[in-house]
PDB file of N, CA and C in Angstrom:
ATOM      1  N   MET A   1      12.444   6.905  15.518  1.00  0.00           N
ATOM      2  CA  MET A   1      12.106   7.628  14.360  1.00  0.00           C
ATOM      3  C   MET A   1      11.473   6.629  13.211  1.00  0.00           C
ATOM      4  N   ARG A   2      10.338   7.196  12.561  1.00  0.00           N
ATOM      5  CA  ARG A   2       9.540   6.436  11.562  1.00  0.00           C
ATOM      6  C   ARG A   2      10.076   6.156  10.377  1.00  0.00           C
ATOM      7  N   GLN A   3      10.251   5.483  10.078  1.00  0.00           N
ATOM      8  CA  GLN A   3      10.943   4.945   8.414  1.00  0.00           C
ATOM      9  C   GLN A   3       9.688   5.172   7.415  1.00  0.00           C
ATOM     10  N   THR A   4      10.237   5.929   6.521  1.00  0.00           N
ATOM     11  CA  THR A   4       9.023   6.201   5.269  1.00  0.00           C
ATOM     12  C   THR A   4       9.758   5.703   4.117  1.00  0.00           C
ATOM     13  N   LYS A   5       8.885   4.939   3.193  1.00  0.00           N
ATOM     14  CA  LYS A   5       9.247   4.482   2.000  1.00  0.00           C
ATOM     15  C   LYS A   5       8.161   4.456   1.050  1.00  0.00           C
ATOM     16  N   PHE A   6       8.402   4.513  -0.205  1.00  0.00           N
ATOM     17  CA  PHE A   6       7.460   4.313  -1.031  1.00  0.00           C
ATOM     18  C   PHE A   6       7.935   3.340  -2.158  1.00  0.00           C
ATOM     19  N   ARG A   7       6.756   3.126  -3.212  1.00  0.00           N
ATOM     20  CA  ARG A   7       6.872   2.376  -4.253  1.00  0.00           C
ATOM     21  C   ARG A   7       6.136   3.144  -5.390  1.00  0.00           C
ATOM     22  N   GLY A   8       6.241   2.898  -6.750  1.00  0.00           N
ATOM     23  CA  GLY A   8       5.874   3.193  -7.676  1.00  0.00           C
ATOM     24  C   GLY A   8       6.220   2.380  -9.214  1.00  0.00           C
ATOM     25  N   ILE A   9       5.411   2.489 -10.097  1.00  0.00           N
ATOM     26  CA  ILE A   9       5.425   1.547 -11.180  1.00  0.00           C
ATOM     27  C   ILE A   9       6.463   2.125 -12.143  1.00  0.00           C
ATOM     28  N   GLU A  10       7.660   1.891 -12.523  1.00  0.00           N
ATOM     29  CA  GLU A  10       8.617   2.543 -13.352  1.00  0.00           C
ATOM     30  C   GLU A  10       7.846   2.629 -14.848  1.00  0.00           C
ATOM     31  N   ILE A  11       7.868   3.803 -15.493  1.00  0.00           N
ATOM     32  CA  ILE A  11       7.670   3.982 -16.916  1.00  0.00           C
ATOM     33  C   ILE A  11       8.476   3.069 -17.749  1.00  0.00           C
ATOM     34  N   GLY A  12       7.684   2.178 -18.965  1.00  0.00           N
ATOM     35  CA  GLY A  12       8.714   1.889 -19.589  1.00  0.00           C
ATOM     36  C   GLY A  12       9.178   0.355 -19.392  1.00  0.00           C
ATOM     37  N   THR A  13       9.215   0.215 -17.893  1.00  0.00           N
ATOM     38  CA  THR A  13       9.745  -1.297 -17.565  1.00  0.00           C
ATOM     39  C   THR A  13       8.300  -2.129 -16.868  1.00  0.00           C
ATOM     40  N   ASN A  14       7.503  -1.268 -16.400  1.00  0.00           N
ATOM     41  CA  ASN A  14       6.238  -1.815 -15.653  1.00  0.00           C
ATOM     42  C   ASN A  14       6.790  -2.673 -14.464  1.00  0.00           C
ATOM     43  N   ILE A  15       7.869  -2.182 -13.807  1.00  0.00           N
ATOM     44  CA  ILE A  15       8.546  -2.913 -12.723  1.00  0.00           C
ATOM     45  C   ILE A  15       8.411  -1.969 -11.577  1.00  0.00           C
ATOM     46  N   TRP A  16       7.782  -2.470 -10.271  1.00  0.00           N
ATOM     47  CA  TRP A  16       7.684  -1.545  -9.223  1.00  0.00           C
ATOM     48  C   TRP A  16       9.089  -1.402  -8.615  1.00  0.00           C
ATOM     49  N   ARG A  17       9.266  -0.209  -8.264  1.00  0.00           N
ATOM     50  CA  ARG A  17      10.473   0.599  -7.660  1.00  0.00           C
ATOM     51  C   ARG A  17      10.309   1.073  -6.289  1.00  0.00           C
ATOM     52  N   TYR A  18      11.253   0.717  -5.390  1.00  0.00           N
ATOM     53  CA  TYR A  18      11.175   0.969  -3.819  1.00  0.00           C
ATOM     54  C   TYR A  18      12.005   1.847  -3.470  1.00  0.00           C
ATOM     55  N   GLY A  19      11.642   2.798  -2.886  1.00  0.00           N
ATOM     56  CA  GLY A  19      12.864   3.917  -2.268  1.00  0.00           C
ATOM     57  C   GLY A  19      12.116   5.144  -1.795  1.00  0.00           C
ATOM     58  N   HIS A  20      12.658   6.181  -1.805  1.00  0.00           N
ATOM     59  CA  HIS A  20      12.416   7.649  -1.577  1.00  0.00           C
ATOM     60  C   HIS A  20      11.575   8.058  -2.715  1.00  0.00           C
ATOM     61  N   HIS A  21      10.391   8.741  -2.589  1.00  0.00           N
ATOM     62  CA  HIS A  21       9.776   9.798  -3.394  1.00  0.00           C
ATOM     63  C   HIS A  21      10.095  10.973  -3.708  1.00  0.00           C
ATOM     64  N   ILE A  22      10.322  11.378  -4.912  1.00  0.00           N
ATOM     65  CA  ILE A  22      10.566  12.915  -5.248  1.00  0.00           C
ATOM     66  C   ILE A  22      10.140  13.289  -6.380  1.00  0.00           C
ATOM     67  N   VAL A  23       9.847  14.460  -6.620  1.00  0.00           N
ATOM     68  CA  VAL A  23       9.462  15.074  -7.859  1.00  0.00           C
ATOM     69  C   VAL A  23      10.055  16.199  -8.363  1.00  0.00           C
ATOM     70  N   VAL A  24      10.881  15.868  -9.512  1.00  0.00           N
ATOM     71  CA  VAL A  24      11.778  16.598 -10.197  1.00  0.00           C
ATOM     72  C   VAL A  24      11.258  17.169 -11.752  1.00  0.00           C
ATOM     73  N   ASP A  25      11.248  18.593 -11.706  1.00  0.00           N
ATOM     74  CA  ASP A  25      10.649  19.114 -13.096  1.00  0.00           C
ATOM     75  C   ASP A  25       9.075  18.323 -13.441  1.00  0.00           C
ATOM     76  N   GLY A  26       8.466  18.247 -12.419  1.00  0.00           N
ATOM     77  CA  GLY A  26       7.387  17.418 -12.833  1.00  0.00           C
ATOM     78  C   GLY A  26       7.111  16.241 -12.813  1.00  0.00           C
ATOM     79  N   GLU A  27       8.243  15.505 -12.947  1.00  0.00           N
ATOM     80  CA  GLU A  27       8.224  13.961 -13.012  1.00  0.00           C
ATOM     81  C   GLU A  27       8.281  13.278 -11.675  1.00  0.00           C
ATOM     82  N   SER A  28       7.561  12.364 -11.493  1.00  0.00           N
ATOM     83  CA  SER A  28       7.258  11.514 -10.221  1.00  0.00           C
ATOM     84  C   SER A  28       8.764  10.584 -10.277  1.00  0.00           C
ATOM     85  N   GLN A  29       9.434  10.472  -9.415  1.00  0.00           N
ATOM     86  CA  GLN A  29      10.751   9.664  -9.288  1.00  0.00           C
ATOM     87  C   GLN A  29      10.673   8.823  -7.878  1.00  0.00           C
ATOM     88  N   ILE A  30      11.297   7.398  -8.105  1.00  0.00           N
ATOM     89  CA  ILE A  30      11.936   6.628  -6.996  1.00  0.00           C
ATOM     90  C   ILE A  30      13.278   6.800  -7.191  1.00  0.00           C
ATOM     91  N   TYR A  31      13.756   7.040  -5.841  1.00  0.00           N
ATOM     92  CA  TYR A  31      15.284   7.045  -5.780  1.00  0.00           C
ATOM     93  C   TYR A  31      15.490   5.839  -4.623  1.00  0.00           C
ATOM     94  N   ASP A  32      16.328   4.862  -5.134  1.00  0.00           N
ATOM     95  CA  ASP A  32      17.100   4.052  -4.205  1.00  0.00           C
ATOM     96  C   ASP A  32      18.541   4.118  -4.497  1.00  0.00           C
ATOM     97  N   ARG A  33      19.309   3.075  -3.986  1.00  0.00           N
ATOM     98  CA  ARG A  33      20.806   3.285  -4.148  1.00  0.00           C
ATOM     99  C   ARG A  33      21.110   2.787  -5.447  1.00  0.00           C
ATOM    100  N   GLY A  34      20.164   2.143  -6.247  1.00  0.00           N
ATOM    101  CA  GLY A  34      20.525   1.635  -7.630  1.00  0.00           C
ATOM    102  C   GLY A  34      20.456   2.969  -8.679  1.00  0.00           C
ATOM    103  N   GLY A  35      19.894   3.866  -8.273  1.00  0.00           N
ATOM    104  CA  GLY A  35      19.499   5.204  -9.039  1.00  0.00           C
ATOM    105  C   GLY A  35      18.279   6.043  -8.919  1.00  0.00           C
ATOM    106  N   TYR A  36      17.811   6.701 -10.025  1.00  0.00           N
ATOM    107  CA  TYR A  36      16.479   7.407 -10.059  1.00  0.00           C
ATOM    108  C   TYR A  36      15.805   6.779 -11.055  1.00  0.00           C
ATOM    109  N   TYR A  37      14.180   6.534 -10.838  1.00  0.00           N
ATOM    110  CA  TYR A  37      13.502   5.833 -11.744  1.00  0.00           C
ATOM    111  C   TYR A  37      12.251   6.768 -11.637  1.00  0.00           C
ATOM    112  N   ILE A  38      11.772   6.937 -13.223  1.00  0.00           N
ATOM    113  CA  ILE A  38      10.774   7.711 -13.508  1.00  0.00           C
ATOM    114  C   ILE A  38       9.496   6.791 -13.459  1.00  0.00           C
ATOM    115  N   VAL A  39       8.547   7.064 -12.463  1.00  0.00           N
ATOM    116  CA  VAL A  39       7.349   6.158 -12.105  1.00  0.00           C
ATOM    117  C   VAL A  39       6.158   6.935 -12.689  1.00  0.00           C
ATOM    118  N   ILE A  40       4.859   6.181 -12.915  1.00  0.00           N
ATOM    119  CA  ILE A  40       3.796   6.527 -13.147  1.00  0.00           C
ATOM    120  C   ILE A  40       3.142   7.279 -11.912  1.00  0.00           C
ATOM    121  N   PRO A  41       2.743   8.471 -11.740  1.00  0.00           N
ATOM    122  CA  PRO A  41       2.563   9.104 -10.585  1.00  0.00           C
ATOM    123  C   PRO A  41       1.390   8.694  -9.626  1.00  0.00           C
ATOM    124  N   GLU A  42       0.536   8.236 -10.459  1.00  0.00           N
ATOM    125  CA  GLU A  42      -1.002   7.524 -10.055  1.00  0.00           C
ATOM    126  C   GLU A  42      -0.704   6.253  -9.155  1.00  0.00           C
ATOM    127  N   THR A  43       0.828   5.610  -9.394  1.00  0.00           N
ATOM    128  CA  THR A  43       0.796   4.417  -8.936  1.00  0.00           C
ATOM    129  C   THR A  43       1.875   4.419  -7.294  1.00  0.00           C
ATOM    130  N   VAL A  44       2.396   5.698  -7.315  1.00  0.00           N
ATOM    131  CA  VAL A  44       3.287   5.883  -6.002  1.00  0.00           C
ATOM    132  C   VAL A  44       2.373   5.775  -4.702  1.00  0.00           C
ATOM    133  N   GLY A  45       2.806   4.891  -3.921  1.00  0.00           N
ATOM    134  CA  GLY A  45       2.377   4.709  -2.641  1.00  0.00           C
ATOM    135  C   GLY A  45       2.856   4.560  -1.355  1.00  0.00           C
ATOM    136  N   GLU A  46       2.911   4.860  -0.167  1.00  0.00           N
ATOM    137  CA  GLU A  46       3.784   4.896   0.723  1.00  0.00           C
ATOM    138  C   GLU A  46       3.265   3.687   1.815  1.00  0.00           C
ATOM    139  N   TRP A  47       4.542   3.310   2.386  1.00  0.00           N
ATOM    140  CA  TRP A  47       4.425   2.208   3.190  1.00  0.00           C
ATOM    141  C   TRP A  47       3.717   2.490   4.455  1.00  0.00           C
ATOM    142  N   THR A  48       2.999   1.766   4.842  1.00  0.00           N
ATOM    143  CA  THR A  48       2.105   2.039   6.090  1.00  0.00           C
ATOM    144  C   THR A  48       2.956   1.772   7.239  1.00  0.00           C
ATOM    145  N   GLY A  49       3.799   0.688   7.316  1.00  0.00           N
ATOM    146  CA  GLY A  49       4.527   0.898   8.728  1.00  0.00           C
ATOM    147  C   GLY A  49       4.500  -0.601   9.238  1.00  0.00           C
ATOM    148  N   ARG A  50       3.044  -1.295   8.446  1.00  0.00           N
ATOM    149  CA  ARG A  50       2.690  -2.513   9.047  1.00  0.00           C
ATOM    150  C   ARG A  50       3.065  -3.830   7.840  1.00  0.00           C
ATOM    151  N   VAL A  51       3.340  -4.737   8.291  1.00  0.00           N
ATOM    152  CA  VAL A  51       3.573  -6.061   7.540  1.00  0.00           C
ATOM    153  C   VAL A  51       2.318  -7.122   7.589  1.00  0.00           C
ATOM    154  N   ASP A  52       2.242  -7.907   6.562  1.00  0.00           N
ATOM    155  CA  ASP A  52       1.049  -8.916   6.783  1.00  0.00           C
ATOM    156  C   ASP A  52       1.593  -9.977   7.400  1.00  0.00           C
ATOM    157  N   ARG A  53       0.717 -11.140   7.710  1.00  0.00           N
ATOM    158  CA  ARG A  53       1.165 -12.243   8.194  1.00  0.00           C
ATOM    159  C   ARG A  53       2.050 -13.007   7.588  1.00  0.00           C
ATOM    160  N   ASN A  54       2.441 -12.690   6.537  1.00  0.00           N
ATOM    161  CA  ASN A  54       3.728 -13.249   5.616  1.00  0.00           C
ATOM    162  C   ASN A  54       5.039 -12.360   5.603  1.00  0.00           C
ATOM    163  N   ASP A  55       4.821 -11.191   6.412  1.00  0.00           N
ATOM    164  CA  ASP A  55       6.271 -10.264   6.564  1.00  0.00           C
ATOM    165  C   ASP A  55       6.197  -9.543   5.405  1.00  0.00           C
ATOM    166  N   LYS A  56       5.252  -9.390   4.411  1.00  0.00           N
ATOM    167  CA  LYS A  56       5.191  -8.592   3.539  1.00  0.00           C
ATOM    168  C   LYS A  56       4.712  -7.073   3.992  1.00  0.00           C
ATOM    169  N   ASP A  57       5.469  -6.312   3.143  1.00  0.00           N
ATOM    170  CA  ASP A  57       4.934  -4.683   3.630  1.00  0.00           C
ATOM    171  C   ASP A  57       3.739  -4.431   2.815  1.00  0.00           C
ATOM    172  N   ILE A  58       3.011  -3.876   3.612  1.00  0.00           N
ATOM    173  CA  ILE A  58       1.789  -3.189   3.424  1.00  0.00           C
ATOM    174  C   ILE A  58       1.726  -1.729   2.914  1.00  0.00           C
ATOM    175  N   TYR A  59       1.500  -1.539   1.760  1.00  0.00           N
ATOM    176  CA  TYR A  59       1.557  -0.175   1.003  1.00  0.00           C
ATOM    177  C   TYR A  59       0.042   0.466   0.751  1.00  0.00           C
ATOM    178  N   GLU A  60       0.158   1.522   0.805  1.00  0.00           N
ATOM    179  CA  GLU A  60      -1.400   2.473   0.242  1.00  0.00           C
ATOM    180  C   GLU A  60      -1.617   2.119  -1.092  1.00  0.00           C
ATOM    181  N   ASP A  61      -2.877   1.801  -1.081  1.00  0.00           N
ATOM    182  CA  ASP A  61      -3.640   1.328  -2.324  1.00  0.00           C
ATOM    183  C   ASP A  61      -3.386  -0.267  -2.758  1.00  0.00           C
ATOM    184  N   ASP A  62      -2.584  -0.860  -1.364  1.00  0.00           N
ATOM    185  CA  ASP A  62      -2.733  -2.469  -1.636  1.00  0.00           C
ATOM    186  C   ASP A  62      -4.460  -3.059  -1.298  1.00  0.00           C
ATOM    187  N   GLU A  63      -4.380  -4.105  -1.871  1.00  0.00           N
ATOM    188  CA  GLU A  63      -5.655  -4.982  -1.248  1.00  0.00           C
ATOM    189  C   GLU A  63      -5.370  -5.862  -0.672  1.00  0.00           C
ATOM    190  N   VAL A  64      -5.959  -6.150   0.648  1.00  0.00           N
ATOM    191  CA  VAL A  64      -5.606  -7.065   1.570  1.00  0.00           C
ATOM    192  C   VAL A  64      -6.792  -7.846   2.100  1.00  0.00           C
ATOM    193  N   ASN A  65      -6.584  -9.166   2.680  1.00  0.00           N
ATOM    194  CA  ASN A  65      -7.484  -9.833   3.168  1.00  0.00           C
ATOM    195  C   ASN A  65      -7.602  -9.437   4.571  1.00  0.00           C
ATOM    196  N   PHE A  66      -8.519  -9.127   5.112  1.00  0.00           N
ATOM    197  CA  PHE A  66      -8.565  -8.788   6.722  1.00  0.00           C
ATOM    198  C   PHE A  66      -9.030 -10.204   6.974  1.00  0.00           C
ATOM    199  N   LEU A  67      -8.165 -10.701   8.057  1.00  0.00           N
ATOM    200  CA  LEU A  67      -8.390 -11.979   8.376  1.00  0.00           C
ATOM    201  C   LEU A  67      -9.048 -12.158   9.834  1.00  0.00           C
ATOM    202  N   GLY A  68      -8.983 -10.997  10.687  1.00  0.00           N
ATOM    203  CA  GLY A  68      -9.296 -11.026  12.005  1.00  0.00           C
ATOM    204  C   GLY A  68      -8.386 -10.147  12.897  1.00  0.00           C
ATOM    205  N   ASN A  69      -8.445 -10.410  14.229  1.00  0.00           N
ATOM    206  CA  ASN A  69      -7.862  -9.426  15.031  1.00  0.00           C
ATOM    207  C   ASN A  69      -7.013 -10.325  15.997  1.00  0.00           C
ATOM    208  N   LYS A  70      -6.032 -10.197  16.572  1.00  0.00           N
ATOM    209  CA  LYS A  70      -5.254 -11.305  17.456  1.00  0.00           C
ATOM    210  C   LYS A  70      -5.856 -10.922  18.860  1.00  0.00           C
ATOM    211  N   GLU A  71      -6.789  -9.768  18.990  1.00  0.00           N
ATOM    212  CA  GLU A  71      -7.086  -9.668  20.469  1.00  0.00           C
ATOM    213  C   GLU A  71      -8.539  -9.918  20.481  1.00  0.00           C
ATOM    214  N   ARG A  72      -9.354 -10.005  19.395  1.00  0.00           N
ATOM    215  CA  ARG A  72     -10.713 -10.479  19.731  1.00  0.00           C
ATOM    216  C   ARG A  72     -11.102 -11.079  18.092  1.00  0.00           C
ATOM    217  N   SER A  73     -12.385 -11.905  18.731  1.00  0.00           N
ATOM    218  CA  SER A  73     -12.551 -12.848  17.488  1.00  0.00           C
ATOM    219  C   SER A  73     -13.869 -11.891  16.870  1.00  0.00           C
ATOM    220  N   TYR A  74     -14.072 -12.399  15.668  1.00  0.00           N
ATOM    221  CA  TYR A  74     -15.258 -11.574  14.609  1.00  0.00           C
ATOM    222  C   TYR A  74     -15.919 -12.709  14.032  1.00  0.00           C
ATOM    223  N   THR A  75     -17.137 -12.426  13.989  1.00  0.00           N
ATOM    224  CA  THR A  75     -18.150 -13.374  13.196  1.00  0.00           C
ATOM    225  C   THR A  75     -18.911 -12.651  12.115  1.00  0.00           C
ATOM    226  N   CYS A  76     -18.136 -11.770  11.483  1.00  0.00           N
ATOM    227  CA  CYS A  76     -18.879 -10.866  10.381  1.00  0.00           C
ATOM    228  C   CYS A  76     -18.349 -11.311   8.964  1.00  0.00           C
ATOM    229  N   GLY A  77     -18.390 -12.767   8.778  1.00  0.00           N
ATOM    230  CA  GLY A  77     -18.071 -13.159   7.377  1.00  0.00           C
ATOM    231  C   GLY A  77     -16.619 -12.807   6.922  1.00  0.00           C
ATOM    232  N   LEU A  78     -15.604 -12.959   7.879  1.00  0.00           N
ATOM    233  CA  LEU A  78     -14.139 -13.002   7.460  1.00  0.00           C
ATOM    234  C   LEU A  78     -13.882 -14.225   6.434  1.00  0.00           C
ATOM    235  N   PRO A  79     -12.872 -13.946   5.706  1.00  0.00           N
ATOM    236  CA  PRO A  79     -12.033 -12.807   5.343  1.00  0.00           C
ATOM    237  C   PRO A  79     -12.871 -12.025   4.679  1.00  0.00           C
ATOM    238  N   GLU A  80     -12.255 -10.665   4.568  1.00  0.00           N
ATOM    239  CA  GLU A  80     -12.757  -9.480   3.761  1.00  0.00           C
ATOM    240  C   GLU A  80     -11.733  -8.857   3.244  1.00  0.00           C
ATOM    241  N   ILE A  81     -12.187  -8.816   1.889  1.00  0.00           N
ATOM    242  CA  ILE A  81     -11.123  -7.801   1.013  1.00  0.00           C
ATOM    243  C   ILE A  81     -11.258  -6.507   1.150  1.00  0.00           C
ATOM    244  N   CYS A  82     -10.127  -5.742   1.319  1.00  0.00           N
ATOM    245  CA  CYS A  82     -10.165  -4.465   1.874  1.00  0.00           C
ATOM    246  C   CYS A  82      -9.009  -3.400   0.869  1.00  0.00           C
ATOM    247  N   ARG A  83      -9.301  -2.280   0.782  1.00  0.00           N
ATOM    248  CA  ARG A  83      -8.139  -1.718   0.114  1.00  0.00           C
ATOM    249  C   ARG A  83      -7.630  -0.759   1.121  1.00  0.00           C
ATOM    250  N   VAL A  84      -6.046  -0.555   1.322  1.00  0.00           N
ATOM    251  CA  VAL A  84      -5.600   0.361   2.031  1.00  0.00           C
ATOM    252  C   VAL A  84      -5.519   1.731   1.719  1.00  0.00           C
ATOM    253  N   VAL A  85      -5.875   2.690   2.469  1.00  0.00           N
ATOM    254  CA  VAL A  85      -6.218   4.165   1.885  1.00  0.00           C
ATOM    255  C   VAL A  85      -5.413   5.042   3.401  1.00  0.00           C
ATOM    256  N   TRP A  86      -5.126   6.138   2.901  1.00  0.00           N
ATOM    257  CA  TRP A  86      -4.891   7.222   4.019  1.00  0.00           C
ATOM    258  C   TRP A  86      -6.082   8.025   4.230  1.00  0.00           C
ATOM    259  N   PHE A  87      -6.456   7.987   5.655  1.00  0.00           N
ATOM    260  CA  PHE A  87      -7.613   8.576   5.855  1.00  0.00           C
ATOM    261  C   PHE A  87      -7.395  10.100   6.565  1.00  0.00           C
ATOM    262  N   GLU A  88      -7.334  11.106   5.845  1.00  0.00           N
ATOM    263  CA  GLU A  88      -6.847  12.618   6.370  1.00  0.00           C
ATOM    264  C   GLU A  88      -7.634  13.075   7.804  1.00  0.00           C
ATOM    265  N   GLU A  89      -8.924  12.740   7.735  1.00  0.00           N
ATOM    266  CA  GLU A  89      -9.661  13.162   8.993  1.00  0.00           C
ATOM    267  C   GLU A  89      -9.007  12.323  10.306  1.00  0.00           C
ATOM    268  N   SER A  90      -8.484  11.383  10.261  1.00  0.00           N
ATOM    269  CA  SER A  90      -8.205  10.821  11.613  1.00  0.00           C
ATOM    270  C   SER A  90      -6.337  10.827  11.394  1.00  0.00           C
ATOM    271  N   SER A  91      -5.691  11.288  10.649  1.00  0.00           N
ATOM    272  CA  SER A  91      -4.403  10.959  10.086  1.00  0.00           C
ATOM    273  C   SER A  91      -3.939   9.619  10.244  1.00  0.00           C
ATOM    274  N   GLY A  92      -4.666   8.751   9.697  1.00  0.00           N
ATOM    275  CA  GLY A  92      -4.250   7.272   9.735  1.00  0.00           C
ATOM    276  C   GLY A  92      -4.552   6.486   8.633  1.00  0.00           C
ATOM    277  N   TRP A  93      -4.051   5.168   8.672  1.00  0.00           N
ATOM    278  CA  TRP A  93      -4.130   4.315   7.518  1.00  0.00           C
ATOM    279  C   TRP A  93      -5.504   3.578   7.623  1.00  0.00           C
ATOM    280  N   MET A  94      -6.320   3.574   6.819  1.00  0.00           N
ATOM    281  CA  MET A  94      -7.590   2.918   6.828  1.00  0.00           C
ATOM    282  C   MET A  94      -7.768   1.662   6.098  1.00  0.00           C
ATOM    283  N   LEU A  95      -8.789   0.772   6.333  1.00  0.00           N
ATOM    284  CA  LEU A  95      -9.065  -0.412   5.395  1.00  0.00           C
ATOM    285  C   LEU A  95     -10.487   0.089   5.060  1.00  0.00           C
ATOM    286  N   THR A  96     -10.672  -0.151   3.866  1.00  0.00           N
ATOM    287  CA  THR A  96     -12.053  -0.021   3.201  1.00  0.00           C
ATOM    288  C   THR A  96     -12.456  -0.779   2.472  1.00  0.00           C
ATOM    289  N   SER A  97     -13.861  -1.291   2.544  1.00  0.00           N
ATOM    290  CA  SER A  97     -14.487  -2.367   1.557  1.00  0.00           C
ATOM    291  C   SER A  97     -15.908  -1.815   1.257  1.00  0.00           C
ATOM    292  N   GLU A  98     -16.547  -2.795   0.573  1.00  0.00           N
ATOM    293  CA  GLU A  98     -17.973  -2.156   0.181  1.00  0.00           C
ATOM    294  C   GLU A  98     -18.747  -2.208   1.412  1.00  0.00           C
ATOM    295  N   LYS A  99     -18.208  -2.773   2.690  1.00  0.00           N
ATOM    296  CA  LYS A  99     -19.230  -3.156   3.838  1.00  0.00           C
ATOM    297  C   LYS A  99     -18.988  -1.946   4.972  1.00  0.00           C
ATOM    298  N   HIS A 100     -17.363  -2.103   5.125  1.00  0.00           N
ATOM    299  CA  HIS A 100     -16.691  -1.519   6.219  1.00  0.00           C
ATOM    300  C   HIS A 100     -15.676  -0.525   5.895  1.00  0.00           C
ATOM    301  N   SER A 101     -15.484   0.198   6.832  1.00  0.00           N
ATOM    302  CA  SER A 101     -14.206   0.686   6.935  1.00  0.00           C
ATOM    303  C   SER A 101     -13.634   0.756   8.648  1.00  0.00           C
ATOM    304  N   PHE A 102     -12.320   0.563   8.649  1.00  0.00           N
ATOM    305  CA  PHE A 102     -12.014   0.681   9.951  1.00  0.00           C
ATOM    306  C   PHE A 102     -10.400   0.506  10.038  1.00  0.00           C
ATOM    307  N   GLY A 103      -9.588   1.070  11.161  1.00  0.00           N
ATOM    308  CA  GLY A 103      -8.203   1.305  11.263  1.00  0.00           C
ATOM    309  C   GLY A 103      -7.220  -0.027  10.670  1.00  0.00           C
ATOM    310  N   LEU A 104      -6.058   0.410  10.081  1.00  0.00           N
ATOM    311  CA  LEU A 104      -5.183  -0.571  10.208  1.00  0.00           C
ATOM    312  C   LEU A 104      -4.270  -0.887  11.446  1.00  0.00           C
ATOM    313  N   TYR A 105      -4.745  -1.887  11.931  1.00  0.00           N
ATOM    314  CA  TYR A 105      -4.102  -1.762  13.550  1.00  0.00           C
ATOM    315  C   TYR A 105      -3.229  -2.852  13.788  1.00  0.00           C
ATOM    316  N   LYS A 106      -2.209  -2.573  14.503  1.00  0.00           N
ATOM    317  CA  LYS A 106      -0.928  -3.423  14.658  1.00  0.00           C
ATOM    318  C   LYS A 106      -1.753  -4.982  15.176  1.00  0.00           C
ATOM    319  N   THR A 107      -2.938  -5.023  15.702  1.00  0.00           N
ATOM    320  CA  THR A 107      -3.224  -6.329  16.338  1.00  0.00           C
ATOM    321  C   THR A 107      -4.278  -7.092  15.174  1.00  0.00           C
ATOM    322  N   GLY A 108      -4.416  -6.372  13.935  1.00  0.00           N
ATOM    323  CA  GLY A 108      -4.946  -6.859  12.967  1.00  0.00           C
ATOM    324  C   GLY A 108      -4.318  -8.080  12.292  1.00  0.00           C
ATOM    325  N   ILE A 109      -4.998  -9.053  11.370  1.00  0.00           N
ATOM    326  CA  ILE A 109      -4.414 -10.043  10.698  1.00  0.00           C
ATOM    327  C   ILE A 109      -4.680  -9.963   9.486  1.00  0.00           C
ATOM    328  N   TYR A 110      -3.621  -9.421   8.626  1.00  0.00           N
ATOM    329  CA  TYR A 110      -3.891  -9.282   7.095  1.00  0.00           C
ATOM    330  C   TYR A 110      -2.901 -10.170   6.213  1.00  0.00           C
ATOM    331  N   GLU A 111      -3.350 -10.008   5.151  1.00  0.00           N
ATOM    332  CA  GLU A 111      -2.575 -10.882   3.742  1.00  0.00           C
ATOM    333  C   GLU A 111      -2.660  -9.865   2.745  1.00  0.00           C
ATOM    334  N   VAL A 112      -1.467  -9.397   2.029  1.00  0.00           N
ATOM    335  CA  VAL A 112      -1.751  -8.654   0.901  1.00  0.00           C
ATOM    336  C   VAL A 112      -1.960  -9.671  -0.245  1.00  0.00           C
ATOM    337  N   ILE A 113      -2.880  -9.306  -1.060  1.00  0.00           N
ATOM    338  CA  ILE A 113      -3.443 -10.004  -2.400  1.00  0.00           C
ATOM    339  C   ILE A 113      -3.032  -9.380  -3.617  1.00  0.00           C
ATOM    340  N   GLY A 114      -2.662  -8.087  -3.661  1.00  0.00           N
ATOM    341  CA  GLY A 114      -2.841  -7.305  -4.762  1.00  0.00           C
ATOM    342  C   GLY A 114      -2.348  -6.047  -4.380  1.00  0.00           C
ATOM    343  N   ASN A 115      -2.653  -5.410  -5.608  1.00  0.00           N
ATOM    344  CA  ASN A 115      -2.649  -3.500  -5.702  1.00  0.00           C
ATOM    345  C   ASN A 115      -3.489  -3.126  -6.619  1.00  0.00           C
ATOM    346  N   ILE A 116      -4.106  -2.091  -6.441  1.00  0.00           N
ATOM    347  CA  ILE A 116      -5.293  -1.468  -7.561  1.00  0.00           C
ATOM    348  C   ILE A 116      -4.248  -1.184  -8.940  1.00  0.00           C
ATOM    349  N   HIS A 117      -2.891  -1.192  -8.685  1.00  0.00           N
ATOM    350  CA  HIS A 117      -2.350  -0.606  -9.964  1.00  0.00           C
ATOM    351  C   HIS A 117      -1.473  -1.564 -10.133  1.00  0.00           C
ATOM    352  N   ASP A 118      -1.579  -2.773 -10.138  1.00  0.00           N
ATOM    353  CA  ASP A 118      -0.764  -3.772 -10.614  1.00  0.00           C
ATOM    354  C   ASP A 118      -0.865  -4.051 -12.184  1.00  0.00           C
ATOM    355  N   LYS A 119      -2.021  -3.167 -12.832  1.00  0.00           N
ATOM    356  CA  LYS A 119      -2.027  -3.464 -14.342  1.00  0.00           C
ATOM    357  C   LYS A 119      -1.614  -2.158 -15.057  1.00  0.00           C
ATOM    358  N   ALA A 120      -1.479  -1.116 -14.056  1.00  0.00           N
ATOM    359  CA  ALA A 120      -1.291   0.340 -14.392  1.00  0.00           C
ATOM    360  C   ALA A 120      -0.463   0.373 -15.476  1.00  0.00           C
ATOM    361  N   GLY A 121       0.959  -0.245 -15.472  1.00  0.00           N
ATOM    362  CA  GLY A 121       1.984  -0.097 -16.194  1.00  0.00           C
ATOM    363  C   GLY A 121       1.633  -0.799 -17.669  1.00  0.00           C
ATOM    364  N   GLU A 122       0.769  -1.680 -17.678  1.00  0.00           N
ATOM    365  CA  GLU A 122       0.381  -2.193 -19.078  1.00  0.00           C
ATOM    366  C   GLU A 122      -0.518  -1.116 -19.767  1.00  0.00           C
ATOM    367  N   GLN A 123      -1.006  -0.185 -19.210  1.00  0.00           N
ATOM    368  CA  GLN A 123      -1.902   1.004 -19.760  1.00  0.00           C
ATOM    369  C   GLN A 123      -0.805   1.997 -20.483  1.00  0.00           C
ATOM    370  N   LYS A 124       0.212   2.225 -19.758  1.00  0.00           N
ATOM    371  CA  LYS A 124       1.151   3.328 -20.508  1.00  0.00           C
ATOM    372  C   LYS A 124       1.901   2.999 -21.536  1.00  0.00           C
TER     373      LYS A 124
END
């Protein structure tokens, strides 16, 4: 069975919270064994089921360096900074950049370098 988990930035503390995502009375919350945390809805992202080369989980809206592929070599100016997004048309995770869009494959070599929401907590 596929494991699902989410993360979001907690309102008031600006801390990333990890666990199950629920919406109660219009509030987006992350639940883990430590309790329920109200999070900024725009920062909620799902785990892709993949990890980077440092065994760090890759989540929706992460920014990653795409470093290549274990099965074939590339000569297109790698590394390339990409954003992780859900692509509804193919029902799968994609990497997008200014130049390319391609699948988040098991054979890819990735490194998480940040998230588009890392500063979102500072704005609330």
